[in-house]
PDB file of N, CA and C in Angstrom:
ATOM      1  N   MET A   1      -7.957 -12.454  -8.264  1.00  0.00           N
ATOM      2  CA  MET A   1      -7.531 -11.184  -7.717  1.00  0.00           C
ATOM      3  C   MET A   1      -6.053 -11.231  -7.351  1.00  0.00           C
ATOM      4  N   GLN A   2      -5.364 -10.147  -7.640  1.00  0.00           N
ATOM      5  CA  GLN A   2      -3.929 -10.063  -7.358  1.00  0.00           C
ATOM      6  C   GLN A   2      -3.697  -9.754  -5.876  1.00  0.00           C
ATOM      7  N   THR A   3      -2.562 -10.176  -5.378  1.00  0.00           N
ATOM      8  CA  THR A   3      -2.136  -9.859  -4.021  1.00  0.00           C
ATOM      9  C   THR A   3      -0.906  -8.966  -4.109  1.00  0.00           C
ATOM     10  N   TYR A   4      -0.972  -7.812  -3.469  1.00  0.00           N
ATOM     11  CA  TYR A   4       0.117  -6.843  -3.532  1.00  0.00           C
ATOM     12  C   TYR A   4       0.798  -6.720  -2.173  1.00  0.00           C
ATOM     13  N   LEU A   5       2.116  -6.585  -2.208  1.00  0.00           N
ATOM     14  CA  LEU A   5       2.905  -6.403  -1.004  1.00  0.00           C
ATOM     15  C   LEU A   5       2.593  -5.046  -0.374  1.00  0.00           C
ATOM     16  N   ILE A   6       2.466  -5.038   0.948  1.00  0.00           N
ATOM     17  CA  ILE A   6       2.314  -3.798   1.716  1.00  0.00           C
ATOM     18  C   ILE A   6       3.517  -3.689   2.642  1.00  0.00           C
ATOM     19  N   GLU A   7       4.229  -2.573   2.558  1.00  0.00           N
ATOM     20  CA  GLU A   7       5.334  -2.306   3.478  1.00  0.00           C
ATOM     21  C   GLU A   7       4.826  -1.333   4.537  1.00  0.00           C
ATOM     22  N   THR A   8       5.092  -1.652   5.802  1.00  0.00           N
ATOM     23  CA  THR A   8       4.652  -0.824   6.924  1.00  0.00           C
ATOM     24  C   THR A   8       5.878  -0.417   7.730  1.00  0.00           C
ATOM     25  N   PHE A   9       5.962   0.867   8.084  1.00  0.00           N
ATOM     26  CA  PHE A   9       7.113   1.345   8.849  1.00  0.00           C
ATOM     27  C   PHE A   9       6.736   2.592   9.643  1.00  0.00           C
ATOM     28  N   TRP A  10       7.538   2.891  10.659  1.00  0.00           N
ATOM     29  CA  TRP A  10       7.341   4.075  11.478  1.00  0.00           C
ATOM     30  C   TRP A  10       8.045   5.253  10.822  1.00  0.00           C
ATOM     31  N   SER A  11       7.356   6.382  10.759  1.00  0.00           N
ATOM     32  CA  SER A  11       7.934   7.615  10.217  1.00  0.00           C
ATOM     33  C   SER A  11       8.038   8.649  11.331  1.00  0.00           C
ATOM     34  N   GLU A  12       9.272   8.971  11.718  1.00  0.00           N
ATOM     35  CA  GLU A  12       9.495  10.018  12.719  1.00  0.00           C
ATOM     36  C   GLU A  12       8.952  11.342  12.207  1.00  0.00           C
ATOM     37  N   GLU A  13       9.203  11.617  10.930  1.00  0.00           N
ATOM     38  CA  GLU A  13       8.783  12.878  10.322  1.00  0.00           C
ATOM     39  C   GLU A  13       7.269  13.076  10.408  1.00  0.00           C
ATOM     40  N   ASP A  14       6.519  12.002  10.151  1.00  0.00           N
ATOM     41  CA  ASP A  14       5.061  12.081  10.155  1.00  0.00           C
ATOM     42  C   ASP A  14       4.455  11.726  11.519  1.00  0.00           C
ATOM     43  N   ASP A  15       5.291  11.192  12.418  1.00  0.00           N
ATOM     44  CA  ASP A  15       4.836  10.755  13.728  1.00  0.00           C
ATOM     45  C   ASP A  15       3.664   9.779  13.593  1.00  0.00           C
ATOM     46  N   ALA A  16       3.838   8.837  12.666  1.00  0.00           N
ATOM     47  CA  ALA A  16       2.777   7.861  12.379  1.00  0.00           C
ATOM     48  C   ALA A  16       3.390   6.643  11.703  1.00  0.00           C
ATOM     49  N   TYR A  17       2.625   5.562  11.695  1.00  0.00           N
ATOM     50  CA  TYR A  17       2.990   4.391  10.904  1.00  0.00           C
ATOM     51  C   TYR A  17       2.508   4.633   9.483  1.00  0.00           C
ATOM     52  N   LEU A  18       3.356   4.330   8.520  1.00  0.00           N
ATOM     53  CA  LEU A  18       3.008   4.505   7.114  1.00  0.00           C
ATOM     54  C   LEU A  18       3.006   3.163   6.408  1.00  0.00           C
ATOM     55  N   CYS A  19       2.188   3.053   5.385  1.00  0.00           N
ATOM     56  CA  CYS A  19       2.158   1.891   4.508  1.00  0.00           C
ATOM     57  C   CYS A  19       2.319   2.364   3.079  1.00  0.00           C
ATOM     58  N   ILE A  20       3.041   1.577   2.315  1.00  0.00           N
ATOM     59  CA  ILE A  20       3.125   1.798   0.871  1.00  0.00           C
ATOM     60  C   ILE A  20       2.952   0.451   0.173  1.00  0.00           C
ATOM     61  N   ALA A  21       2.528   0.511  -1.069  1.00  0.00           N
ATOM     62  CA  ALA A  21       2.449  -0.679  -1.920  1.00  0.00           C
ATOM     63  C   ALA A  21       3.383  -0.417  -3.098  1.00  0.00           C
ATOM     64  N   PRO A  22       4.578  -1.002  -3.105  1.00  0.00           N
ATOM     65  CA  PRO A  22       5.556  -0.706  -4.144  1.00  0.00           C
ATOM     66  C   PRO A  22       5.039  -0.898  -5.573  1.00  0.00           C
ATOM     67  N   ASP A  23       4.097  -1.799  -5.768  1.00  0.00           N
ATOM     68  CA  ASP A  23       3.572  -2.055  -7.108  1.00  0.00           C
ATOM     69  C   ASP A  23       2.460  -1.088  -7.520  1.00  0.00           C
ATOM     70  N   LEU A  24       2.019  -0.244  -6.590  1.00  0.00           N
ATOM     71  CA  LEU A  24       0.934   0.703  -6.864  1.00  0.00           C
ATOM     72  C   LEU A  24       1.457   2.121  -6.605  1.00  0.00           C
ATOM     73  N   PRO A  25       2.089   2.739  -7.583  1.00  0.00           N
ATOM     74  CA  PRO A  25       2.721   4.046  -7.391  1.00  0.00           C
ATOM     75  C   PRO A  25       1.770   5.084  -6.793  1.00  0.00           C
ATOM     76  N   GLY A  26       2.255   5.745  -5.738  1.00  0.00           N
ATOM     77  CA  GLY A  26       1.482   6.801  -5.102  1.00  0.00           C
ATOM     78  C   GLY A  26       0.457   6.309  -4.097  1.00  0.00           C
ATOM     79  N   CYS A  27       0.288   5.006  -3.973  1.00  0.00           N
ATOM     80  CA  CYS A  27      -0.695   4.457  -3.043  1.00  0.00           C
ATOM     81  C   CYS A  27      -0.041   4.325  -1.669  1.00  0.00           C
ATOM     82  N   SER A  28      -0.588   5.048  -0.694  1.00  0.00           N
ATOM     83  CA  SER A  28      -0.039   5.008   0.658  1.00  0.00           C
ATOM     84  C   SER A  28      -1.135   5.316   1.668  1.00  0.00           C
ATOM     85  N   ALA A  29      -0.816   5.049   2.940  1.00  0.00           N
ATOM     86  CA  ALA A  29      -1.765   5.328   4.022  1.00  0.00           C
ATOM     87  C   ALA A  29      -0.984   5.491   5.309  1.00  0.00           C
ATOM     88  N   ALA A  30      -1.638   6.061   6.315  1.00  0.00           N
ATOM     89  CA  ALA A  30      -0.998   6.287   7.611  1.00  0.00           C
ATOM     90  C   ALA A  30      -1.968   5.923   8.724  1.00  0.00           C
ATOM     91  N   GLY A  31      -1.391   5.657   9.902  1.00  0.00           N
ATOM     92  CA  GLY A  31      -2.212   5.365  11.067  1.00  0.00           C
ATOM     93  C   GLY A  31      -1.408   5.517  12.345  1.00  0.00           C
ATOM     94  N   ASP A  32      -2.098   5.572  13.456  1.00  0.00           N
ATOM     95  CA  ASP A  32      -1.438   5.695  14.759  1.00  0.00           C
ATOM     96  C   ASP A  32      -0.807   4.384  15.217  1.00  0.00           C
ATOM     97  N   THR A  33      -1.297   3.270  14.685  1.00  0.00           N
ATOM     98  CA  THR A  33      -0.746   1.947  14.996  1.00  0.00           C
ATOM     99  C   THR A  33      -0.490   1.222  13.676  1.00  0.00           C
ATOM    100  N   PRO A  34       0.347   0.180  13.690  1.00  0.00           N
ATOM    101  CA  PRO A  34       0.545  -0.578  12.453  1.00  0.00           C
ATOM    102  C   PRO A  34      -0.769  -1.146  11.904  1.00  0.00           C
ATOM    103  N   LEU A  35      -1.620  -1.663  12.783  1.00  0.00           N
ATOM    104  CA  LEU A  35      -2.890  -2.233  12.343  1.00  0.00           C
ATOM    105  C   LEU A  35      -3.777  -1.174  11.693  1.00  0.00           C
ATOM    106  N   GLU A  36      -3.852   0.011  12.312  1.00  0.00           N
ATOM    107  CA  GLU A  36      -4.663   1.083  11.738  1.00  0.00           C
ATOM    108  C   GLU A  36      -4.120   1.498  10.360  1.00  0.00           C
ATOM    109  N   ALA A  37      -2.802   1.566  10.233  1.00  0.00           N
ATOM    110  CA  ALA A  37      -2.203   1.929   8.947  1.00  0.00           C
ATOM    111  C   ALA A  37      -2.528   0.884   7.878  1.00  0.00           C
ATOM    112  N   ILE A  38      -2.479  -0.392   8.253  1.00  0.00           N
ATOM    113  CA  ILE A  38      -2.787  -1.460   7.295  1.00  0.00           C
ATOM    114  C   ILE A  38      -4.261  -1.423   6.906  1.00  0.00           C
ATOM    115  N   GLN A  39      -5.132  -1.182   7.863  1.00  0.00           N
ATOM    116  CA  GLN A  39      -6.564  -1.089   7.548  1.00  0.00           C
ATOM    117  C   GLN A  39      -6.830   0.078   6.594  1.00  0.00           C
ATOM    118  N   GLU A  40      -6.196   1.208   6.842  1.00  0.00           N
ATOM    119  CA  GLU A  40      -6.340   2.361   5.945  1.00  0.00           C
ATOM    120  C   GLU A  40      -5.766   2.038   4.569  1.00  0.00           C
ATOM    121  N   MET A  41      -4.669   1.280   4.569  1.00  0.00           N
ATOM    122  CA  MET A  41      -4.025   0.928   3.305  1.00  0.00           C
ATOM    123  C   MET A  41      -4.922   0.023   2.469  1.00  0.00           C
ATOM    124  N   GLN A  42      -5.641  -0.867   3.103  1.00  0.00           N
ATOM    125  CA  GLN A  42      -6.548  -1.738   2.352  1.00  0.00           C
ATOM    126  C   GLN A  42      -7.599  -0.905   1.616  1.00  0.00           C
ATOM    127  N   ASP A  43      -8.116   0.128   2.272  1.00  0.00           N
ATOM    128  CA  ASP A  43      -9.073   1.026   1.612  1.00  0.00           C
ATOM    129  C   ASP A  43      -8.406   1.808   0.489  1.00  0.00           C
ATOM    130  N   ALA A  44      -7.189   2.297   0.751  1.00  0.00           N
ATOM    131  CA  ALA A  44      -6.458   3.064  -0.270  1.00  0.00           C
ATOM    132  C   ALA A  44      -6.163   2.200  -1.491  1.00  0.00           C
ATOM    133  N   MET A  45      -5.772   0.958  -1.268  1.00  0.00           N
ATOM    134  CA  MET A  45      -5.476   0.058  -2.386  1.00  0.00           C
ATOM    135  C   MET A  45      -6.737  -0.245  -3.193  1.00  0.00           C
ATOM    136  N   ALA A  46      -7.844  -0.475  -2.519  1.00  0.00           N
ATOM    137  CA  ALA A  46      -9.100  -0.745  -3.228  1.00  0.00           C
ATOM    138  C   ALA A  46      -9.472   0.447  -4.099  1.00  0.00           C
ATOM    139  N   SER A  47      -9.308   1.657  -3.560  1.00  0.00           N
ATOM    140  CA  SER A  47      -9.613   2.869  -4.332  1.00  0.00           C
ATOM    141  C   SER A  47      -8.653   3.027  -5.506  1.00  0.00           C
ATOM    142  N   TRP A  48      -7.374   2.758  -5.278  1.00  0.00           N
ATOM    143  CA  TRP A  48      -6.358   2.871  -6.326  1.00  0.00           C
ATOM    144  C   TRP A  48      -6.685   1.914  -7.467  1.00  0.00           C
ATOM    145  N   LEU A  49      -6.981   0.670  -7.122  1.00  0.00           N
ATOM    146  CA  LEU A  49      -7.275  -0.345  -8.139  1.00  0.00           C
ATOM    147  C   LEU A  49      -8.572  -0.023  -8.883  1.00  0.00           C
ATOM    148  N   GLN A  50      -9.574   0.490  -8.179  1.00  0.00           N
ATOM    149  CA  GLN A  50     -10.832   0.867  -8.823  1.00  0.00           C
ATOM    150  C   GLN A  50     -10.604   2.018  -9.795  1.00  0.00           C
ATOM    151  N   ALA A  51      -9.812   3.005  -9.391  1.00  0.00           N
ATOM    152  CA  ALA A  51      -9.517   4.134 -10.274  1.00  0.00           C
ATOM    153  C   ALA A  51      -8.775   3.657 -11.519  1.00  0.00           C
ATOM    154  N   CYS A  52      -7.839   2.750 -11.349  1.00  0.00           N
ATOM    155  CA  CYS A  52      -7.096   2.186 -12.477  1.00  0.00           C
ATOM    156  C   CYS A  52      -8.057   1.502 -13.450  1.00  0.00           C
ATOM    157  N   SER A  53      -8.953   0.713 -12.910  1.00  0.00           N
ATOM    158  CA  SER A  53      -9.942   0.008 -13.717  1.00  0.00           C
ATOM    159  C   SER A  53     -10.885   0.986 -14.420  1.00  0.00           C
ATOM    160  N   ASN A  54     -11.328   2.016 -13.692  1.00  0.00           N
ATOM    161  CA  ASN A  54     -12.238   3.011 -14.270  1.00  0.00           C
ATOM    162  C   ASN A  54     -11.613   3.760 -15.440  1.00  0.00           C
ATOM    163  N   MET A  55     -10.285   3.903 -15.415  1.00  0.00           N
ATOM    164  CA  MET A  55      -9.581   4.588 -16.500  1.00  0.00           C
ATOM    165  C   MET A  55      -9.264   3.645 -17.656  1.00  0.00           C
ATOM    166  N   GLY A  56      -9.666   2.388 -17.518  1.00  0.00           N
ATOM    167  CA  GLY A  56      -9.426   1.418 -18.581  1.00  0.00           C
ATOM    168  C   GLY A  56      -7.994   0.920 -18.633  1.00  0.00           C
ATOM    169  N   ARG A  57      -7.265   1.113 -17.553  1.00  0.00           N
ATOM    170  CA  ARG A  57      -5.873   0.668 -17.510  1.00  0.00           C
ATOM    171  C   ARG A  57      -5.790  -0.756 -16.983  1.00  0.00           C
ATOM    172  N   GLU A  58      -4.762  -1.442 -17.401  1.00  0.00           N
ATOM    173  CA  GLU A  58      -4.520  -2.797 -16.934  1.00  0.00           C
ATOM    174  C   GLU A  58      -3.980  -2.735 -15.508  1.00  0.00           C
ATOM    175  N   LEU A  59      -4.453  -3.613 -14.646  1.00  0.00           N
ATOM    176  CA  LEU A  59      -3.949  -3.643 -13.276  1.00  0.00           C
ATOM    177  C   LEU A  59      -2.501  -4.113 -13.290  1.00  0.00           C
ATOM    178  N   PRO A  60      -1.656  -3.493 -12.462  1.00  0.00           N
ATOM    179  CA  PRO A  60      -0.248  -3.897 -12.447  1.00  0.00           C
ATOM    180  C   PRO A  60      -0.071  -5.316 -11.932  1.00  0.00           C
ATOM    181  N   PHE A  61       0.895  -5.994 -12.495  1.00  0.00           N
ATOM    182  CA  PHE A  61       1.250  -7.330 -12.022  1.00  0.00           C
ATOM    183  C   PHE A  61       2.108  -7.162 -10.775  1.00  0.00           C
ATOM    184  N   PRO A  62       1.801  -7.872  -9.683  1.00  0.00           N
ATOM    185  CA  PRO A  62       2.590  -7.721  -8.457  1.00  0.00           C
ATOM    186  C   PRO A  62       3.995  -8.302  -8.623  1.00  0.00           C
ATOM    187  N   LEU A  63       4.987  -7.448  -8.463  1.00  0.00           N
ATOM    188  CA  LEU A  63       6.382  -7.868  -8.605  1.00  0.00           C
ATOM    189  C   LEU A  63       7.166  -7.771  -7.306  1.00  0.00           C
ATOM    190  N   ALA A  64       6.759  -6.865  -6.409  1.00  0.00           N
ATOM    191  CA  ALA A  64       7.507  -6.640  -5.166  1.00  0.00           C
ATOM    192  C   ALA A  64       7.477  -7.887  -4.281  1.00  0.00           C
ATOM    193  N   LYS A  65       8.615  -8.153  -3.661  1.00  0.00           N
ATOM    194  CA  LYS A  65       8.748  -9.295  -2.766  1.00  0.00           C
ATOM    195  C   LYS A  65       9.149  -8.789  -1.383  1.00  0.00           C
ATOM    196  N   PRO A  66       8.749  -9.489  -0.320  1.00  0.00           N
ATOM    197  CA  PRO A  66       9.148  -9.076   1.032  1.00  0.00           C
ATOM    198  C   PRO A  66      10.664  -9.073   1.156  1.00  0.00           C
ATOM    199  N   ARG A  67      11.171  -8.118   1.925  1.00  0.00           N
ATOM    200  CA  ARG A  67      12.604  -8.051   2.192  1.00  0.00           C
ATOM    201  C   ARG A  67      12.959  -9.071   3.265  1.00  0.00           C
ATOM    202  N   LYS A  68      14.153  -9.630   3.150  1.00  0.00           N
ATOM    203  CA  LYS A  68      14.617 -10.563   4.166  1.00  0.00           C
ATOM    204  C   LYS A  68      15.102  -9.776   5.374  1.00  0.00           C
ATOM    205  N   ALA A  69      14.814 -10.316   6.559  1.00  0.00           N
ATOM    206  CA  ALA A  69      15.254  -9.661   7.801  1.00  0.00           C
ATOM    207  C   ALA A  69      16.778  -9.663   7.867  1.00  0.00           C
ATOM    208  N   ALA A  70      17.324  -8.593   8.408  1.00  0.00           N
ATOM    209  CA  ALA A  70      18.784  -8.472   8.505  1.00  0.00           C
ATOM    210  C   ALA A  70      19.341  -9.312   9.625  1.00  0.00           C
TER     211      ALA A  70
END
């Protein structure tokens, strides 16, 4: 099983923590806390990957790397 990077950040606009997976276009989730956003993201990623598989598409190879702290 592949491991995909999850980026988590605070969005003033959405008034929530957001998660994205750079290697999974359009896959995102939100939550009131970072942990809640990550938990939601795990479900979103599982659904995204299942949909990809159901369509007969190849799963993307994980390319995104964590950013270095400034």
